[in-house]
Amino acid sequence: MRYLSLAGSLCLAIATAALAAQPPASVQKGRRFFAQCVSCHSMDGSAGVGPTLLGVFGRKSGAATGFGYSPAMKGAGIVWNDAALDSFLRAPQRFLPRNKMPYAGMANEQDRRDVIAYLKAAK
């Protein structure tokens, strides 16, 4: 019993240290990275090739007006938050098969964190 408690404490300490070692998310870096996304997504409320991402936080998947979502996205019932966006941006088709996003994904965790910070800050 004592061993499990010690092992659990050690795992928690390692995980906490790993999180603390990550640089904070940068809205400015996220804005610069998002420049790659504007060929499909806007931040002004208008839909284009993809839906607007203005106000995406807290919005239900498939709910932005003016965009023809896939049945998979409309029926997913996802409420966009940090974790859902991180998973989606990492691998859109793996996270939600048959969605319309043709993008392969964003492998770099810090880039994802920065873009998410930008999307969260945009009002």
PDB file of N, CA and C in Angstrom:
ATOM      1  N   MET A   1       0.825  -1.184   0.000  1.00  0.00           N
ATOM      2  CA  MET A   1       0.000   0.000   0.000  1.00  0.00           C
ATOM      3  C   MET A   1       0.873   1.254   0.000  1.00  0.00           C
ATOM      4  N   ARG A   2       1.898   1.248   0.841  1.00  0.00           N
ATOM      5  CA  ARG A   2       2.801   2.385   0.924  1.00  0.00           C
ATOM      6  C   ARG A   2       3.515   2.593  -0.417  1.00  0.00           C
ATOM      7  N   TYR A   3       3.881   1.502  -1.104  1.00  0.00           N
ATOM      8  CA  TYR A   3       4.557   1.566  -2.390  1.00  0.00           C
ATOM      9  C   TYR A   3       3.680   2.243  -3.442  1.00  0.00           C
ATOM     10  N   LEU A   4       2.409   1.872  -3.487  1.00  0.00           N
ATOM     11  CA  LEU A   4       1.498   2.477  -4.457  1.00  0.00           C
ATOM     12  C   LEU A   4       1.342   3.966  -4.203  1.00  0.00           C
ATOM     13  N   SER A   5       1.287   4.349  -2.979  1.00  0.00           N
ATOM     14  CA  SER A   5       1.164   5.760  -2.636  1.00  0.00           C
ATOM     15  C   SER A   5       2.412   6.521  -3.077  1.00  0.00           C
ATOM     16  N   LEU A   6       3.572   5.935  -2.849  1.00  0.00           N
ATOM     17  CA  LEU A   6       4.818   6.562  -3.254  1.00  0.00           C
ATOM     18  C   LEU A   6       4.901   6.639  -4.780  1.00  0.00           C
ATOM     19  N   ALA A   7       4.518   5.570  -5.470  1.00  0.00           N
ATOM     20  CA  ALA A   7       4.549   5.551  -6.932  1.00  0.00           C
ATOM     21  C   ALA A   7       3.579   6.582  -7.501  1.00  0.00           C
ATOM     22  N   GLY A   8       2.402   6.657  -6.927  1.00  0.00           N
ATOM     23  CA  GLY A   8       1.419   7.646  -7.372  1.00  0.00           C
ATOM     24  C   GLY A   8       1.926   9.065  -7.167  1.00  0.00           C
ATOM     25  N   SER A   9       2.563   9.303  -6.029  1.00  0.00           N
ATOM     26  CA  SER A   9       3.118  10.626  -5.756  1.00  0.00           C
ATOM     27  C   SER A   9       4.216  10.977  -6.741  1.00  0.00           C
ATOM     28  N   LEU A  10       5.042   9.997  -7.079  1.00  0.00           N
ATOM     29  CA  LEU A  10       6.126  10.217  -8.028  1.00  0.00           C
ATOM     30  C   LEU A  10       5.569  10.545  -9.413  1.00  0.00           C
ATOM     31  N   CYS A  11       4.558   9.810  -9.852  1.00  0.00           N
ATOM     32  CA  CYS A  11       3.935  10.083 -11.158  1.00  0.00           C
ATOM     33  C   CYS A  11       3.334  11.482 -11.188  1.00  0.00           C
ATOM     34  N   LEU A  12       2.665  11.869 -10.135  1.00  0.00           N
ATOM     35  CA  LEU A  12       2.074  13.198 -10.053  1.00  0.00           C
ATOM     36  C   LEU A  12       3.148  14.269 -10.107  1.00  0.00           C
ATOM     37  N   ALA A  13       4.247  14.062  -9.411  1.00  0.00           N
ATOM     38  CA  ALA A  13       5.339  15.039  -9.416  1.00  0.00           C
ATOM     39  C   ALA A  13       5.955  15.167 -10.806  1.00  0.00           C
ATOM     40  N   ILE A  14       6.138  14.055 -11.497  1.00  0.00           N
ATOM     41  CA  ILE A  14       6.705  14.085 -12.847  1.00  0.00           C
ATOM     42  C   ILE A  14       5.762  14.798 -13.808  1.00  0.00           C
ATOM     43  N   ALA A  15       4.481  14.490 -13.741  1.00  0.00           N
ATOM     44  CA  ALA A  15       3.505  15.137 -14.617  1.00  0.00           C
ATOM     45  C   ALA A  15       3.432  16.632 -14.352  1.00  0.00           C
ATOM     46  N   THR A  16       3.455  17.017 -13.090  1.00  0.00           N
ATOM     47  CA  THR A  16       3.422  18.432 -12.737  1.00  0.00           C
ATOM     48  C   THR A  16       4.656  19.148 -13.257  1.00  0.00           C
ATOM     49  N   ALA A  17       5.821  18.532 -13.127  1.00  0.00           N
ATOM     50  CA  ALA A  17       7.063  19.129 -13.621  1.00  0.00           C
ATOM     51  C   ALA A  17       7.035  19.271 -15.136  1.00  0.00           C
ATOM     52  N   ALA A  18       6.487  18.279 -15.821  1.00  0.00           N
ATOM     53  CA  ALA A  18       6.411  18.350 -17.279  1.00  0.00           C
ATOM     54  C   ALA A  18       5.510  19.489 -17.720  1.00  0.00           C
ATOM     55  N   LEU A  19       4.386  19.674 -17.047  1.00  0.00           N
ATOM     56  CA  LEU A  19       3.491  20.779 -17.382  1.00  0.00           C
ATOM     57  C   LEU A  19       4.140  22.127 -17.086  1.00  0.00           C
ATOM     58  N   ALA A  20       4.828  22.209 -15.977  1.00  0.00           N
ATOM     59  CA  ALA A  20       5.484  23.462 -15.609  1.00  0.00           C
ATOM     60  C   ALA A  20       6.606  23.800 -16.575  1.00  0.00           C
ATOM     61  N   ALA A  21       7.212  22.802 -17.206  1.00  0.00           N
ATOM     62  CA  ALA A  21       8.326  23.027 -18.122  1.00  0.00           C
ATOM     63  C   ALA A  21       7.865  23.574 -19.468  1.00  0.00           C
ATOM     64  N   GLN A  22       6.597  23.436 -19.795  1.00  0.00           N
ATOM     65  CA  GLN A  22       6.091  23.942 -21.063  1.00  0.00           C
ATOM     66  C   GLN A  22       6.021  25.466 -21.028  1.00  0.00           C
ATOM     67  N   PRO A  23       6.441  26.115 -22.114  1.00  0.00           N
ATOM     68  CA  PRO A  23       6.278  27.561 -22.146  1.00  0.00           C
ATOM     69  C   PRO A  23       4.791  27.901 -22.194  1.00  0.00           C
ATOM     70  N   PRO A  24       4.423  29.046 -21.681  1.00  0.00           N
ATOM     71  CA  PRO A  24       3.009  29.424 -21.729  1.00  0.00           C
ATOM     72  C   PRO A  24       2.552  29.622 -23.173  1.00  0.00           C
ATOM     73  N   ALA A  25       1.275  29.429 -23.398  1.00  0.00           N
ATOM     74  CA  ALA A  25       0.717  29.646 -24.730  1.00  0.00           C
ATOM     75  C   ALA A  25       0.805  31.130 -25.072  1.00  0.00           C
ATOM     76  N   SER A  26       1.067  31.427 -26.330  1.00  0.00           N
ATOM     77  CA  SER A  26       1.236  32.804 -26.790  1.00  0.00           C
ATOM     78  C   SER A  26       0.140  33.172 -27.788  1.00  0.00           C
ATOM     79  N   VAL A  27      -0.665  34.158 -27.440  1.00  0.00           N
ATOM     80  CA  VAL A  27      -1.707  34.644 -28.346  1.00  0.00           C
ATOM     81  C   VAL A  27      -1.068  35.204 -29.608  1.00  0.00           C
ATOM     82  N   GLN A  28       0.029  35.935 -29.469  1.00  0.00           N
ATOM     83  CA  GLN A  28       0.700  36.528 -30.637  1.00  0.00           C
ATOM     84  C   GLN A  28       1.235  35.461 -31.592  1.00  0.00           C
ATOM     85  N   LYS A  29       1.873  34.436 -31.050  1.00  0.00           N
ATOM     86  CA  LYS A  29       2.361  33.348 -31.903  1.00  0.00           C
ATOM     87  C   LYS A  29       1.196  32.610 -32.541  1.00  0.00           C
ATOM     88  N   GLY A  30       0.122  32.441 -31.778  1.00  0.00           N
ATOM     89  CA  GLY A  30      -1.073  31.802 -32.320  1.00  0.00           C
ATOM     90  C   GLY A  30      -1.679  32.602 -33.460  1.00  0.00           C
ATOM     91  N   ARG A  31      -1.681  33.927 -33.338  1.00  0.00           N
ATOM     92  CA  ARG A  31      -2.202  34.789 -34.412  1.00  0.00           C
ATOM     93  C   ARG A  31      -1.348  34.613 -35.670  1.00  0.00           C
ATOM     94  N   ARG A  32      -0.029  34.578 -35.506  1.00  0.00           N
ATOM     95  CA  ARG A  32       0.861  34.389 -36.655  1.00  0.00           C
ATOM     96  C   ARG A  32       0.648  33.016 -37.290  1.00  0.00           C
ATOM     97  N   PHE A  33       0.513  31.983 -36.475  1.00  0.00           N
ATOM     98  CA  PHE A  33       0.288  30.645 -37.013  1.00  0.00           C
ATOM     99  C   PHE A  33      -1.067  30.574 -37.714  1.00  0.00           C
ATOM    100  N   PHE A  34      -2.064  31.248 -37.163  1.00  0.00           N
ATOM    101  CA  PHE A  34      -3.417  31.222 -37.736  1.00  0.00           C
ATOM    102  C   PHE A  34      -3.441  31.812 -39.140  1.00  0.00           C
ATOM    103  N   ALA A  35      -2.447  32.613 -39.493  1.00  0.00           N
ATOM    104  CA  ALA A  35      -2.380  33.171 -40.847  1.00  0.00           C
ATOM    105  C   ALA A  35      -2.410  32.052 -41.895  1.00  0.00           C
ATOM    106  N   GLN A  36      -1.973  30.866 -41.534  1.00  0.00           N
ATOM    107  CA  GLN A  36      -2.020  29.714 -42.446  1.00  0.00           C
ATOM    108  C   GLN A  36      -3.443  29.172 -42.601  1.00  0.00           C
ATOM    109  N   CYS A  37      -4.310  29.520 -41.686  1.00  0.00           N
ATOM    110  CA  CYS A  37      -5.666  28.967 -41.654  1.00  0.00           C
ATOM    111  C   CYS A  37      -6.679  29.851 -42.376  1.00  0.00           C
ATOM    112  N   VAL A  38      -6.297  31.120 -42.648  1.00  0.00           N
ATOM    113  CA  VAL A  38      -7.275  32.077 -43.174  1.00  0.00           C
ATOM    114  C   VAL A  38      -7.695  31.797 -44.611  1.00  0.00           C
ATOM    115  N   SER A  39      -7.020  30.902 -45.291  1.00  0.00           N
ATOM    116  CA  SER A  39      -7.497  30.563 -46.634  1.00  0.00           C
ATOM    117  C   SER A  39      -8.831  29.825 -46.548  1.00  0.00           C
ATOM    118  N   CYS A  40      -9.128  29.251 -45.398  1.00  0.00           N
ATOM    119  CA  CYS A  40     -10.393  28.530 -45.210  1.00  0.00           C
ATOM    120  C   CYS A  40     -11.271  29.123 -44.107  1.00  0.00           C
ATOM    121  N   HIS A  41     -10.662  29.653 -43.043  1.00  0.00           N
ATOM    122  CA  HIS A  41     -11.406  30.109 -41.870  1.00  0.00           C
ATOM    123  C   HIS A  41     -11.241  31.609 -41.642  1.00  0.00           C
ATOM    124  N   SER A  42     -12.315  32.258 -41.233  1.00  0.00           N
ATOM    125  CA  SER A  42     -12.252  33.684 -40.915  1.00  0.00           C
ATOM    126  C   SER A  42     -12.346  33.889 -39.407  1.00  0.00           C
ATOM    127  N   MET A  43     -12.000  35.079 -39.009  1.00  0.00           N
ATOM    128  CA  MET A  43     -12.198  35.501 -37.620  1.00  0.00           C
ATOM    129  C   MET A  43     -13.104  36.731 -37.589  1.00  0.00           C
ATOM    130  N   ASP A  44     -13.876  36.942 -38.673  1.00  0.00           N
ATOM    131  CA  ASP A  44     -14.768  38.100 -38.727  1.00  0.00           C
ATOM    132  C   ASP A  44     -16.238  37.700 -38.694  1.00  0.00           C
ATOM    133  N   GLY A  45     -16.512  36.423 -38.488  1.00  0.00           N
ATOM    134  CA  GLY A  45     -17.891  35.962 -38.405  1.00  0.00           C
ATOM    135  C   GLY A  45     -18.444  35.408 -39.709  1.00  0.00           C
ATOM    136  N   SER A  46     -17.686  35.533 -40.800  1.00  0.00           N
ATOM    137  CA  SER A  46     -18.189  35.039 -42.083  1.00  0.00           C
ATOM    138  C   SER A  46     -17.644  33.650 -42.379  1.00  0.00           C
ATOM    139  N   ALA A  47     -18.471  32.857 -43.040  1.00  0.00           N
ATOM    140  CA  ALA A  47     -18.041  31.515 -43.445  1.00  0.00           C
ATOM    141  C   ALA A  47     -17.417  31.599 -44.820  1.00  0.00           C
ATOM    142  N   GLY A  48     -16.509  30.716 -45.094  1.00  0.00           N
ATOM    143  CA  GLY A  48     -15.873  30.616 -46.403  1.00  0.00           C
ATOM    144  C   GLY A  48     -15.801  29.152 -46.768  1.00  0.00           C
ATOM    145  N   VAL A  49     -14.611  28.701 -47.125  1.00  0.00           N
ATOM    146  CA  VAL A  49     -14.397  27.284 -47.397  1.00  0.00           C
ATOM    147  C   VAL A  49     -14.653  26.486 -46.123  1.00  0.00           C
ATOM    148  N   GLY A  50     -14.324  27.094 -44.992  1.00  0.00           N
ATOM    149  CA  GLY A  50     -14.589  26.507 -43.679  1.00  0.00           C
ATOM    150  C   GLY A  50     -15.419  27.475 -42.853  1.00  0.00           C
ATOM    151  N   PRO A  51     -15.896  27.044 -41.708  1.00  0.00           N
ATOM    152  CA  PRO A  51     -16.703  27.927 -40.857  1.00  0.00           C
ATOM    153  C   PRO A  51     -15.840  29.001 -40.197  1.00  0.00           C
ATOM    154  N   THR A  52     -16.487  30.082 -39.790  1.00  0.00           N
ATOM    155  CA  THR A  52     -15.778  31.087 -39.006  1.00  0.00           C
ATOM    156  C   THR A  52     -15.362  30.469 -37.680  1.00  0.00           C
ATOM    157  N   LEU A  53     -14.210  30.888 -37.190  1.00  0.00           N
ATOM    158  CA  LEU A  53     -13.758  30.409 -35.887  1.00  0.00           C
ATOM    159  C   LEU A  53     -13.886  31.490 -34.820  1.00  0.00           C
ATOM    160  N   LEU A  54     -14.468  32.612 -35.196  1.00  0.00           N
ATOM    161  CA  LEU A  54     -14.755  33.662 -34.221  1.00  0.00           C
ATOM    162  C   LEU A  54     -15.804  33.136 -33.245  1.00  0.00           C
ATOM    163  N   GLY A  55     -15.478  33.146 -31.972  1.00  0.00           N
ATOM    164  CA  GLY A  55     -16.410  32.671 -30.960  1.00  0.00           C
ATOM    165  C   GLY A  55     -16.540  31.161 -30.883  1.00  0.00           C
ATOM    166  N   VAL A  56     -15.518  30.441 -31.335  1.00  0.00           N
ATOM    167  CA  VAL A  56     -15.605  28.981 -31.351  1.00  0.00           C
ATOM    168  C   VAL A  56     -15.656  28.389 -29.941  1.00  0.00           C
ATOM    169  N   PHE A  57     -15.028  29.037 -28.955  1.00  0.00           N
ATOM    170  CA  PHE A  57     -15.025  28.493 -27.590  1.00  0.00           C
ATOM    171  C   PHE A  57     -16.421  28.493 -26.998  1.00  0.00           C
ATOM    172  N   GLY A  58     -16.826  27.337 -26.533  1.00  0.00           N
ATOM    173  CA  GLY A  58     -18.140  27.182 -25.929  1.00  0.00           C
ATOM    174  C   GLY A  58     -19.234  26.906 -26.939  1.00  0.00           C
ATOM    175  N   ARG A  59     -18.914  26.986 -28.217  1.00  0.00           N
ATOM    176  CA  ARG A  59     -19.905  26.739 -29.258  1.00  0.00           C
ATOM    177  C   ARG A  59     -19.983  25.243 -29.514  1.00  0.00           C
ATOM    178  N   LYS A  60     -21.165  24.788 -29.824  1.00  0.00           N
ATOM    179  CA  LYS A  60     -21.380  23.387 -30.154  1.00  0.00           C
ATOM    180  C   LYS A  60     -20.917  23.133 -31.586  1.00  0.00           C
ATOM    181  N   SER A  61     -20.343  21.972 -31.817  1.00  0.00           N
ATOM    182  CA  SER A  61     -19.866  21.618 -33.159  1.00  0.00           C
ATOM    183  C   SER A  61     -21.013  21.674 -34.167  1.00  0.00           C
ATOM    184  N   GLY A  62     -20.689  22.208 -35.329  1.00  0.00           N
ATOM    185  CA  GLY A  62     -21.673  22.281 -36.404  1.00  0.00           C
ATOM    186  C   GLY A  62     -22.713  23.360 -36.233  1.00  0.00           C
ATOM    187  N   ALA A  63     -22.464  24.345 -35.360  1.00  0.00           N
ATOM    188  CA  ALA A  63     -23.496  25.323 -35.038  1.00  0.00           C
ATOM    189  C   ALA A  63     -23.269  26.719 -35.592  1.00  0.00           C
ATOM    190  N   ALA A  64     -22.102  27.031 -36.146  1.00  0.00           N
ATOM    191  CA  ALA A  64     -21.885  28.371 -36.697  1.00  0.00           C
ATOM    192  C   ALA A  64     -22.771  28.536 -37.927  1.00  0.00           C
ATOM    193  N   THR A  65     -23.363  29.681 -38.066  1.00  0.00           N
ATOM    194  CA  THR A  65     -24.263  29.917 -39.198  1.00  0.00           C
ATOM    195  C   THR A  65     -23.475  30.151 -40.479  1.00  0.00           C
ATOM    196  N   GLY A  66     -24.098  29.824 -41.594  1.00  0.00           N
ATOM    197  CA  GLY A  66     -23.534  30.119 -42.891  1.00  0.00           C
ATOM    198  C   GLY A  66     -22.576  29.091 -43.450  1.00  0.00           C
ATOM    199  N   PHE A  67     -22.414  27.964 -42.785  1.00  0.00           N
ATOM    200  CA  PHE A  67     -21.510  26.936 -43.296  1.00  0.00           C
ATOM    201  C   PHE A  67     -22.239  25.606 -43.353  1.00  0.00           C
ATOM    202  N   GLY A  68     -22.014  24.854 -44.419  1.00  0.00           N
ATOM    203  CA  GLY A  68     -22.633  23.535 -44.592  1.00  0.00           C
ATOM    204  C   GLY A  68     -21.765  22.448 -43.979  1.00  0.00           C
ATOM    205  N   TYR A  69     -22.003  22.153 -42.734  1.00  0.00           N
ATOM    206  CA  TYR A  69     -21.212  21.159 -42.002  1.00  0.00           C
ATOM    207  C   TYR A  69     -21.515  19.739 -42.471  1.00  0.00           C
ATOM    208  N   SER A  70     -20.567  18.856 -42.257  1.00  0.00           N
ATOM    209  CA  SER A  70     -20.779  17.434 -42.520  1.00  0.00           C
ATOM    210  C   SER A  70     -21.761  16.891 -41.480  1.00  0.00           C
ATOM    211  N   PRO A  71     -22.477  15.836 -41.819  1.00  0.00           N
ATOM    212  CA  PRO A  71     -23.347  15.208 -40.819  1.00  0.00           C
ATOM    213  C   PRO A  71     -22.562  14.778 -39.573  1.00  0.00           C
ATOM    214  N   ALA A  72     -21.313  14.346 -39.770  1.00  0.00           N
ATOM    215  CA  ALA A  72     -20.494  13.921 -38.625  1.00  0.00           C
ATOM    216  C   ALA A  72     -20.286  15.077 -37.653  1.00  0.00           C
ATOM    217  N   MET A  73     -19.969  16.267 -38.165  1.00  0.00           N
ATOM    218  CA  MET A  73     -19.725  17.425 -37.297  1.00  0.00           C
ATOM    219  C   MET A  73     -21.026  17.905 -36.665  1.00  0.00           C
ATOM    220  N   LYS A  74     -22.089  17.947 -37.443  1.00  0.00           N
ATOM    221  CA  LYS A  74     -23.374  18.402 -36.905  1.00  0.00           C
ATOM    222  C   LYS A  74     -23.866  17.489 -35.791  1.00  0.00           C
ATOM    223  N   GLY A  75     -23.658  16.206 -35.946  1.00  0.00           N
ATOM    224  CA  GLY A  75     -24.181  15.250 -34.979  1.00  0.00           C
ATOM    225  C   GLY A  75     -23.243  14.904 -33.837  1.00  0.00           C
ATOM    226  N   ALA A  76     -22.049  15.480 -33.839  1.00  0.00           N
ATOM    227  CA  ALA A  76     -21.048  15.088 -32.840  1.00  0.00           C
ATOM    228  C   ALA A  76     -21.370  15.556 -31.423  1.00  0.00           C
ATOM    229  N   GLY A  77     -22.039  16.683 -31.300  1.00  0.00           N
ATOM    230  CA  GLY A  77     -22.370  17.192 -29.966  1.00  0.00           C
ATOM    231  C   GLY A  77     -21.170  17.676 -29.164  1.00  0.00           C
ATOM    232  N   ILE A  78     -20.093  18.009 -29.837  1.00  0.00           N
ATOM    233  CA  ILE A  78     -18.891  18.508 -29.158  1.00  0.00           C
ATOM    234  C   ILE A  78     -19.106  19.964 -28.775  1.00  0.00           C
ATOM    235  N   VAL A  79     -18.724  20.327 -27.581  1.00  0.00           N
ATOM    236  CA  VAL A  79     -18.657  21.739 -27.208  1.00  0.00           C
ATOM    237  C   VAL A  79     -17.174  22.077 -27.212  1.00  0.00           C
ATOM    238  N   TRP A  80     -16.790  23.036 -28.054  1.00  0.00           N
ATOM    239  CA  TRP A  80     -15.378  23.339 -28.256  1.00  0.00           C
ATOM    240  C   TRP A  80     -14.760  23.982 -27.027  1.00  0.00           C
ATOM    241  N   ASN A  81     -13.761  23.309 -26.495  1.00  0.00           N
ATOM    242  CA  ASN A  81     -12.974  23.806 -25.367  1.00  0.00           C
ATOM    243  C   ASN A  81     -11.512  23.484 -25.671  1.00  0.00           C
ATOM    244  N   ASP A  82     -10.631  23.776 -24.735  1.00  0.00           N
ATOM    245  CA  ASP A  82      -9.196  23.542 -24.959  1.00  0.00           C
ATOM    246  C   ASP A  82      -8.901  22.094 -25.374  1.00  0.00           C
ATOM    247  N   ALA A  83      -9.417  21.148 -24.627  1.00  0.00           N
ATOM    248  CA  ALA A  83      -9.114  19.741 -24.880  1.00  0.00           C
ATOM    249  C   ALA A  83      -9.669  19.275 -26.223  1.00  0.00           C
ATOM    250  N   ALA A  84     -10.909  19.637 -26.535  1.00  0.00           N
ATOM    251  CA  ALA A  84     -11.508  19.213 -27.803  1.00  0.00           C
ATOM    252  C   ALA A  84     -10.769  19.832 -28.985  1.00  0.00           C
ATOM    253  N   LEU A  85     -10.450  21.123 -28.888  1.00  0.00           N
ATOM    254  CA  LEU A  85      -9.712  21.765 -29.980  1.00  0.00           C
ATOM    255  C   LEU A  85      -8.316  21.177 -30.136  1.00  0.00           C
ATOM    256  N   ASP A  86      -7.661  20.891 -29.046  1.00  0.00           N
ATOM    257  CA  ASP A  86      -6.333  20.294 -29.120  1.00  0.00           C
ATOM    258  C   ASP A  86      -6.389  18.956 -29.848  1.00  0.00           C
ATOM    259  N   SER A  87      -7.327  18.121 -29.486  1.00  0.00           N
ATOM    260  CA  SER A  87      -7.467  16.809 -30.135  1.00  0.00           C
ATOM    261  C   SER A  87      -7.838  16.956 -31.607  1.00  0.00           C
ATOM    262  N   PHE A  88      -8.733  17.873 -31.909  1.00  0.00           N
ATOM    263  CA  PHE A  88      -9.158  18.087 -33.291  1.00  0.00           C
ATOM    264  C   PHE A  88      -8.006  18.617 -34.135  1.00  0.00           C
ATOM    265  N   LEU A  89      -7.294  19.618 -33.626  1.00  0.00           N
ATOM    266  CA  LEU A  89      -6.188  20.191 -34.391  1.00  0.00           C
ATOM    267  C   LEU A  89      -5.041  19.197 -34.580  1.00  0.00           C
ATOM    268  N   ARG A  90      -4.838  18.325 -33.620  1.00  0.00           N
ATOM    269  CA  ARG A  90      -3.771  17.328 -33.737  1.00  0.00           C
ATOM    270  C   ARG A  90      -4.045  16.394 -34.913  1.00  0.00           C
ATOM    271  N   ALA A  91      -5.269  15.914 -35.067  1.00  0.00           N
ATOM    272  CA  ALA A  91      -5.610  14.963 -36.137  1.00  0.00           C
ATOM    273  C   ALA A  91      -7.119  15.013 -36.373  1.00  0.00           C
ATOM    274  N   PRO A  92      -7.581  15.952 -37.209  1.00  0.00           N
ATOM    275  CA  PRO A  92      -9.024  16.150 -37.392  1.00  0.00           C
ATOM    276  C   PRO A  92      -9.801  14.893 -37.774  1.00  0.00           C
ATOM    277  N   GLN A  93      -9.282  14.104 -38.701  1.00  0.00           N
ATOM    278  CA  GLN A  93     -10.028  12.918 -39.142  1.00  0.00           C
ATOM    279  C   GLN A  93     -10.006  11.794 -38.119  1.00  0.00           C
ATOM    280  N   ARG A  94      -8.942  11.711 -37.335  1.00  0.00           N
ATOM    281  CA  ARG A  94      -8.898  10.694 -36.279  1.00  0.00           C
ATOM    282  C   ARG A  94      -9.848  11.095 -35.143  1.00  0.00           C
ATOM    283  N   PHE A  95      -9.891  12.392 -34.822  1.00  0.00           N
ATOM    284  CA  PHE A  95     -10.756  12.874 -33.747  1.00  0.00           C
ATOM    285  C   PHE A  95     -12.227  12.740 -34.123  1.00  0.00           C
ATOM    286  N   LEU A  96     -12.555  13.111 -35.361  1.00  0.00           N
ATOM    287  CA  LEU A  96     -13.945  13.054 -35.816  1.00  0.00           C
ATOM    288  C   LEU A  96     -13.973  12.603 -37.278  1.00  0.00           C
ATOM    289  N   PRO A  97     -14.012  11.296 -37.502  1.00  0.00           N
ATOM    290  CA  PRO A  97     -14.024  10.785 -38.876  1.00  0.00           C
ATOM    291  C   PRO A  97     -15.175  11.356 -39.700  1.00  0.00           C
ATOM    292  N   ARG A  98     -14.909  11.542 -40.966  1.00  0.00           N
ATOM    293  CA  ARG A  98     -15.876  12.021 -41.965  1.00  0.00           C
ATOM    294  C   ARG A  98     -16.257  13.488 -41.793  1.00  0.00           C
ATOM    295  N   ASN A  99     -15.426  14.283 -41.099  1.00  0.00           N
ATOM    296  CA  ASN A  99     -15.678  15.722 -41.099  1.00  0.00           C
ATOM    297  C   ASN A  99     -15.073  16.289 -42.386  1.00  0.00           C
ATOM    298  N   LYS A 100     -15.373  17.535 -42.706  1.00  0.00           N
ATOM    299  CA  LYS A 100     -14.936  18.128 -43.972  1.00  0.00           C
ATOM    300  C   LYS A 100     -13.534  18.721 -43.937  1.00  0.00           C
ATOM    301  N   MET A 101     -12.891  18.739 -42.801  1.00  0.00           N
ATOM    302  CA  MET A 101     -11.578  19.376 -42.689  1.00  0.00           C
ATOM    303  C   MET A 101     -10.521  18.523 -43.392  1.00  0.00           C
ATOM    304  N   PRO A 102      -9.935  19.030 -44.498  1.00  0.00           N
ATOM    305  CA  PRO A 102      -8.956  18.230 -45.235  1.00  0.00           C
ATOM    306  C   PRO A 102      -7.552  18.294 -44.636  1.00  0.00           C
ATOM    307  N   TYR A 103      -7.348  19.148 -43.664  1.00  0.00           N
ATOM    308  CA  TYR A 103      -6.045  19.369 -43.049  1.00  0.00           C
ATOM    309  C   TYR A 103      -5.586  18.116 -42.308  1.00  0.00           C
ATOM    310  N   ALA A 104      -4.336  17.718 -42.508  1.00  0.00           N
ATOM    311  CA  ALA A 104      -3.815  16.494 -41.891  1.00  0.00           C
ATOM    312  C   ALA A 104      -3.648  16.621 -40.385  1.00  0.00           C
ATOM    313  N   GLY A 105      -3.364  17.805 -39.905  1.00  0.00           N
ATOM    314  CA  GLY A 105      -3.212  18.002 -38.475  1.00  0.00           C
ATOM    315  C   GLY A 105      -1.973  18.792 -38.123  1.00  0.00           C
ATOM    316  N   MET A 106      -1.928  19.229 -36.908  1.00  0.00           N
ATOM    317  CA  MET A 106      -0.863  20.059 -36.378  1.00  0.00           C
ATOM    318  C   MET A 106      -0.117  19.243 -35.333  1.00  0.00           C
ATOM    319  N   ALA A 107       1.034  18.729 -35.697  1.00  0.00           N
ATOM    320  CA  ALA A 107       1.771  17.825 -34.814  1.00  0.00           C
ATOM    321  C   ALA A 107       2.390  18.530 -33.608  1.00  0.00           C
ATOM    322  N   ASN A 108       2.813  19.768 -33.782  1.00  0.00           N
ATOM    323  CA  ASN A 108       3.539  20.461 -32.724  1.00  0.00           C
ATOM    324  C   ASN A 108       2.594  20.934 -31.626  1.00  0.00           C
ATOM    325  N   GLU A 109       2.793  20.404 -30.423  1.00  0.00           N
ATOM    326  CA  GLU A 109       1.909  20.731 -29.295  1.00  0.00           C
ATOM    327  C   GLU A 109       1.927  22.224 -28.964  1.00  0.00           C
ATOM    328  N   GLN A 110       3.098  22.851 -28.991  1.00  0.00           N
ATOM    329  CA  GLN A 110       3.172  24.274 -28.663  1.00  0.00           C
ATOM    330  C   GLN A 110       2.425  25.113 -29.694  1.00  0.00           C
ATOM    331  N   ASP A 111       2.520  24.756 -30.974  1.00  0.00           N
ATOM    332  CA  ASP A 111       1.758  25.472 -32.006  1.00  0.00           C
ATOM    333  C   ASP A 111       0.265  25.357 -31.740  1.00  0.00           C
ATOM    334  N   ARG A 112      -0.185  24.156 -31.381  1.00  0.00           N
ATOM    335  CA  ARG A 112      -1.614  23.970 -31.070  1.00  0.00           C
ATOM    336  C   ARG A 112      -2.016  24.827 -29.882  1.00  0.00           C
ATOM    337  N   ARG A 113      -1.193  24.829 -28.842  1.00  0.00           N
ATOM    338  CA  ARG A 113      -1.511  25.625 -27.652  1.00  0.00           C
ATOM    339  C   ARG A 113      -1.583  27.111 -27.998  1.00  0.00           C
ATOM    340  N   ASP A 114      -0.677  27.578 -28.861  1.00  0.00           N
ATOM    341  CA  ASP A 114      -0.663  28.986 -29.253  1.00  0.00           C
ATOM    342  C   ASP A 114      -1.905  29.339 -30.076  1.00  0.00           C
ATOM    343  N   VAL A 115      -2.262  28.478 -31.027  1.00  0.00           N
ATOM    344  CA  VAL A 115      -3.450  28.742 -31.846  1.00  0.00           C
ATOM    345  C   VAL A 115      -4.696  28.721 -30.972  1.00  0.00           C
ATOM    346  N   ILE A 116      -4.778  27.798 -30.058  1.00  0.00           N
ATOM    347  CA  ILE A 116      -5.931  27.730 -29.148  1.00  0.00           C
ATOM    348  C   ILE A 116      -6.003  28.989 -28.299  1.00  0.00           C
ATOM    349  N   ALA A 117      -4.868  29.480 -27.817  1.00  0.00           N
ATOM    350  CA  ALA A 117      -4.850  30.730 -27.040  1.00  0.00           C
ATOM    351  C   ALA A 117      -5.359  31.884 -27.882  1.00  0.00           C
ATOM    352  N   TYR A 118      -4.960  31.932 -29.136  1.00  0.00           N
ATOM    353  CA  TYR A 118      -5.449  32.984 -30.052  1.00  0.00           C
ATOM    354  C   TYR A 118      -6.952  32.880 -30.266  1.00  0.00           C
ATOM    355  N   LEU A 119      -7.427  31.665 -30.544  1.00  0.00           N
ATOM    356  CA  LEU A 119      -8.865  31.479 -30.774  1.00  0.00           C
ATOM    357  C   LEU A 119      -9.671  31.839 -29.523  1.00  0.00           C
ATOM    358  N   LYS A 120      -9.133  31.493 -28.377  1.00  0.00           N
ATOM    359  CA  LYS A 120      -9.820  31.786 -27.115  1.00  0.00           C
ATOM    360  C   LYS A 120      -9.877  33.288 -26.859  1.00  0.00           C
ATOM    361  N   ALA A 121      -8.816  33.998 -27.205  1.00  0.00           N
ATOM    362  CA  ALA A 121      -8.735  35.445 -26.939  1.00  0.00           C
ATOM    363  C   ALA A 121      -9.563  36.262 -27.928  1.00  0.00           C
ATOM    364  N   ALA A 122      -9.791  35.731 -29.121  1.00  0.00           N
ATOM    365  CA  ALA A 122     -10.522  36.484 -30.146  1.00  0.00           C
ATOM    366  C   ALA A 122     -11.993  36.608 -29.768  1.00  0.00           C
ATOM    367  N   LYS A 123     -12.450  37.800 -29.800  1.00  0.00           N
ATOM    368  CA  LYS A 123     -13.862  38.064 -29.455  1.00  0.00           C
ATOM    369  C   LYS A 123     -14.566  38.720 -30.623  1.00  0.00           C
TER     370      LYS A 123
END
